[in-house]
Amino acid sequence: MGGVTPPPARDPGLQPERTRLAWRRTTLAGTVAAVLAVKTALHGGVSAPRIAVCALCCALWLGFLAVANRRIRTLAASPAPTALAPRHATAAVLCTVALAVCGALLIL
């Protein structure tokens, strides 16, 4: 008769996979930012404030890496993963913003 076919069923496995890949890309971008911060700190002459900001950048990167790895493991463990906890989301945002601020301080 009408020939109207229903839309295909949504594949719930695709969204967690895309989200997992986005976390990996963001972690890679944070790694590049931390490496560039270390390079900048060492290139402009070594001083105590530069080393302190560089160490803070590395600590922030490690914090973000911990949150990202936890989320990646959660996404891979279940076909229907739970939502990101607000405290983990807040930690990821704070680490990202603070890393950007530290990078800006190193450039100045």
C-alpha atoms as a PDB file:
ATOM      1  CA  MET A   1       0.000   0.000   0.000  1.00  0.00           C
ATOM      2  CA  GLY A   2       1.702   3.175   1.213  1.00  0.00           C
ATOM      3  CA  GLY A   3       5.205   1.783   1.185  1.00  0.00           C
ATOM      4  CA  VAL A   4       6.231   3.845   4.220  1.00  0.00           C
ATOM      5  CA  THR A   5       8.977   2.030   6.047  1.00  0.00           C
ATOM      6  CA  PRO A   6       9.678   2.723   9.693  1.00  0.00           C
ATOM      7  CA  PRO A   7      13.014   4.352  10.480  1.00  0.00           C
ATOM      8  CA  PRO A   8      15.768   1.929  11.456  1.00  0.00           C
ATOM      9  CA  ALA A   9      16.149   1.227  15.150  1.00  0.00           C
ATOM     10  CA  ARG A  10      18.678   3.406  16.905  1.00  0.00           C
ATOM     11  CA  ASP A  11      21.946   1.635  17.606  1.00  0.00           C
ATOM     12  CA  PRO A  12      22.746   2.460  21.243  1.00  0.00           C
ATOM     13  CA  GLY A  13      26.317   1.271  20.772  1.00  0.00           C
ATOM     14  CA  LEU A  14      27.322   4.151  18.541  1.00  0.00           C
ATOM     15  CA  GLN A  15      26.879   7.029  20.986  1.00  0.00           C
ATOM     16  CA  PRO A  16      29.125   5.580  23.725  1.00  0.00           C
ATOM     17  CA  GLU A  17      31.748   4.813  21.069  1.00  0.00           C
ATOM     18  CA  ARG A  18      31.680   8.392  19.753  1.00  0.00           C
ATOM     19  CA  THR A  19      31.864   9.729  23.300  1.00  0.00           C
ATOM     20  CA  ARG A  20      34.796   7.448  24.108  1.00  0.00           C
ATOM     21  CA  LEU A  21      36.635   8.673  21.024  1.00  0.00           C
ATOM     22  CA  ALA A  22      35.906  12.287  21.982  1.00  0.00           C
ATOM     23  CA  TRP A  23      37.428  11.696  25.428  1.00  0.00           C
ATOM     24  CA  ARG A  24      40.507  10.214  23.758  1.00  0.00           C
ATOM     25  CA  ARG A  25      40.861  13.210  21.427  1.00  0.00           C
ATOM     26  CA  THR A  26      40.480  15.621  24.322  1.00  0.00           C
ATOM     27  CA  THR A  27      43.083  13.720  26.326  1.00  0.00           C
ATOM     28  CA  LEU A  28      45.459  13.914  23.372  1.00  0.00           C
ATOM     29  CA  ALA A  29      44.878  17.677  23.088  1.00  0.00           C
ATOM     30  CA  GLY A  30      45.575  18.061  26.822  1.00  0.00           C
ATOM     31  CA  THR A  31      48.758  16.039  26.432  1.00  0.00           C
ATOM     32  CA  VAL A  32      49.949  18.320  23.645  1.00  0.00           C
ATOM     33  CA  ALA A  33      49.139  21.389  25.768  1.00  0.00           C
ATOM     34  CA  ALA A  34      51.078  19.994  28.739  1.00  0.00           C
ATOM     35  CA  VAL A  35      54.086  19.107  26.580  1.00  0.00           C
ATOM     36  CA  LEU A  36      54.075  22.581  25.026  1.00  0.00           C
ATOM     37  CA  ALA A  37      53.864  24.107  28.510  1.00  0.00           C
ATOM     38  CA  VAL A  38      56.937  22.155  29.604  1.00  0.00           C
ATOM     39  CA  LYS A  39      58.775  23.161  26.431  1.00  0.00           C
ATOM     40  CA  THR A  40      57.855  26.821  26.934  1.00  0.00           C
ATOM     41  CA  ALA A  41      58.921  26.743  30.583  1.00  0.00           C
ATOM     42  CA  LEU A  42      62.304  25.290  29.733  1.00  0.00           C
ATOM     43  CA  HIS A  43      62.907  27.406  26.618  1.00  0.00           C
ATOM     44  CA  GLY A  44      62.436  30.828  28.214  1.00  0.00           C
ATOM     45  CA  GLY A  45      65.015  30.232  30.906  1.00  0.00           C
ATOM     46  CA  VAL A  46      64.539  28.170  34.020  1.00  0.00           C
ATOM     47  CA  SER A  47      63.156  30.041  37.016  1.00  0.00           C
ATOM     48  CA  ALA A  48      61.280  28.972  40.109  1.00  0.00           C
ATOM     49  CA  PRO A  49      57.918  30.483  39.033  1.00  0.00           C
ATOM     50  CA  ARG A  50      58.153  28.871  35.582  1.00  0.00           C
ATOM     51  CA  ILE A  51      58.956  25.498  37.094  1.00  0.00           C
ATOM     52  CA  ALA A  52      56.057  25.860  39.560  1.00  0.00           C
ATOM     53  CA  VAL A  53      53.590  26.693  36.769  1.00  0.00           C
ATOM     54  CA  CYS A  54      54.999  23.841  34.679  1.00  0.00           C
ATOM     55  CA  ALA A  55      54.551  21.412  37.585  1.00  0.00           C
ATOM     56  CA  LEU A  56      51.001  22.677  38.066  1.00  0.00           C
ATOM     57  CA  CYS A  57      50.302  22.089  34.353  1.00  0.00           C
ATOM     58  CA  CYS A  58      51.541  18.528  34.675  1.00  0.00           C
ATOM     59  CA  ALA A  59      49.426  17.924  37.801  1.00  0.00           C
ATOM     60  CA  LEU A  60      46.340  19.305  36.060  1.00  0.00           C
ATOM     61  CA  TRP A  61      47.012  17.122  33.041  1.00  0.00           C
ATOM     62  CA  LEU A  62      47.284  14.064  35.287  1.00  0.00           C
ATOM     63  CA  GLY A  63      44.000  15.004  36.969  1.00  0.00           C
ATOM     64  CA  PHE A  64      42.234  15.308  33.632  1.00  0.00           C
ATOM     65  CA  LEU A  65      43.813  12.054  32.469  1.00  0.00           C
ATOM     66  CA  ALA A  66      42.439  10.256  35.539  1.00  0.00           C
ATOM     67  CA  VAL A  67      38.906  11.565  34.916  1.00  0.00           C
ATOM     68  CA  ALA A  68      39.089  10.735  31.206  1.00  0.00           C
ATOM     69  CA  ASN A  69      40.388   7.202  31.765  1.00  0.00           C
ATOM     70  CA  ARG A  70      37.661   6.544  34.307  1.00  0.00           C
ATOM     71  CA  ARG A  71      35.018   7.716  31.825  1.00  0.00           C
ATOM     72  CA  ILE A  72      36.522   5.716  28.949  1.00  0.00           C
ATOM     73  CA  ARG A  73      36.494   2.552  31.081  1.00  0.00           C
ATOM     74  CA  THR A  74      32.863   3.210  32.075  1.00  0.00           C
ATOM     75  CA  LEU A  75      31.844   3.678  28.438  1.00  0.00           C
ATOM     76  CA  ALA A  76      33.598   0.478  27.379  1.00  0.00           C
ATOM     77  CA  ALA A  77      32.223  -1.633  30.238  1.00  0.00           C
ATOM     78  CA  SER A  78      28.532  -1.410  29.467  1.00  0.00           C
ATOM     79  CA  PRO A  79      26.349  -1.130  26.372  1.00  0.00           C
ATOM     80  CA  ALA A  80      24.251   1.474  28.241  1.00  0.00           C
ATOM     81  CA  PRO A  81      26.742   3.433  30.386  1.00  0.00           C
ATOM     82  CA  THR A  82      25.644   5.715  33.182  1.00  0.00           C
ATOM     83  CA  ALA A  83      25.772   9.475  32.886  1.00  0.00           C
ATOM     84  CA  LEU A  84      28.946  11.314  33.826  1.00  0.00           C
ATOM     85  CA  ALA A  85      28.817  12.202  37.512  1.00  0.00           C
ATOM     86  CA  PRO A  86      28.617  15.953  38.172  1.00  0.00           C
ATOM     87  CA  ARG A  87      31.776  15.920  40.298  1.00  0.00           C
ATOM     88  CA  HIS A  88      33.730  14.226  37.485  1.00  0.00           C
ATOM     89  CA  ALA A  89      32.387  16.697  34.938  1.00  0.00           C
ATOM     90  CA  THR A  90      33.329  19.573  37.235  1.00  0.00           C
ATOM     91  CA  ALA A  91      36.817  18.133  37.742  1.00  0.00           C
ATOM     92  CA  ALA A  92      37.326  17.779  33.980  1.00  0.00           C
ATOM     93  CA  VAL A  93      36.190  21.360  33.334  1.00  0.00           C
ATOM     94  CA  LEU A  94      38.317  22.798  36.146  1.00  0.00           C
ATOM     95  CA  CYS A  95      41.419  20.904  34.993  1.00  0.00           C
ATOM     96  CA  THR A  96      40.902  22.075  31.414  1.00  0.00           C
ATOM     97  CA  VAL A  97      40.348  25.724  32.311  1.00  0.00           C
ATOM     98  CA  ALA A  98      43.217  25.770  34.819  1.00  0.00           C
ATOM     99  CA  LEU A  99      45.539  24.148  32.259  1.00  0.00           C
ATOM    100  CA  ALA A 100      44.646  26.875  29.772  1.00  0.00           C
ATOM    101  CA  VAL A 101      45.322  29.573  32.390  1.00  0.00           C
ATOM    102  CA  CYS A 102      48.689  28.004  33.279  1.00  0.00           C
ATOM    103  CA  GLY A 103      49.611  27.857  29.598  1.00  0.00           C
ATOM    104  CA  ALA A 104      48.727  31.534  29.214  1.00  0.00           C
ATOM    105  CA  LEU A 105      50.873  32.398  32.249  1.00  0.00           C
ATOM    106  CA  LEU A 106      53.842  30.636  30.692  1.00  0.00           C
ATOM    107  CA  ILE A 107      53.497  32.623  27.488  1.00  0.00           C
ATOM    108  CA  LEU A 108      53.514  35.964  29.311  1.00  0.00           C
END
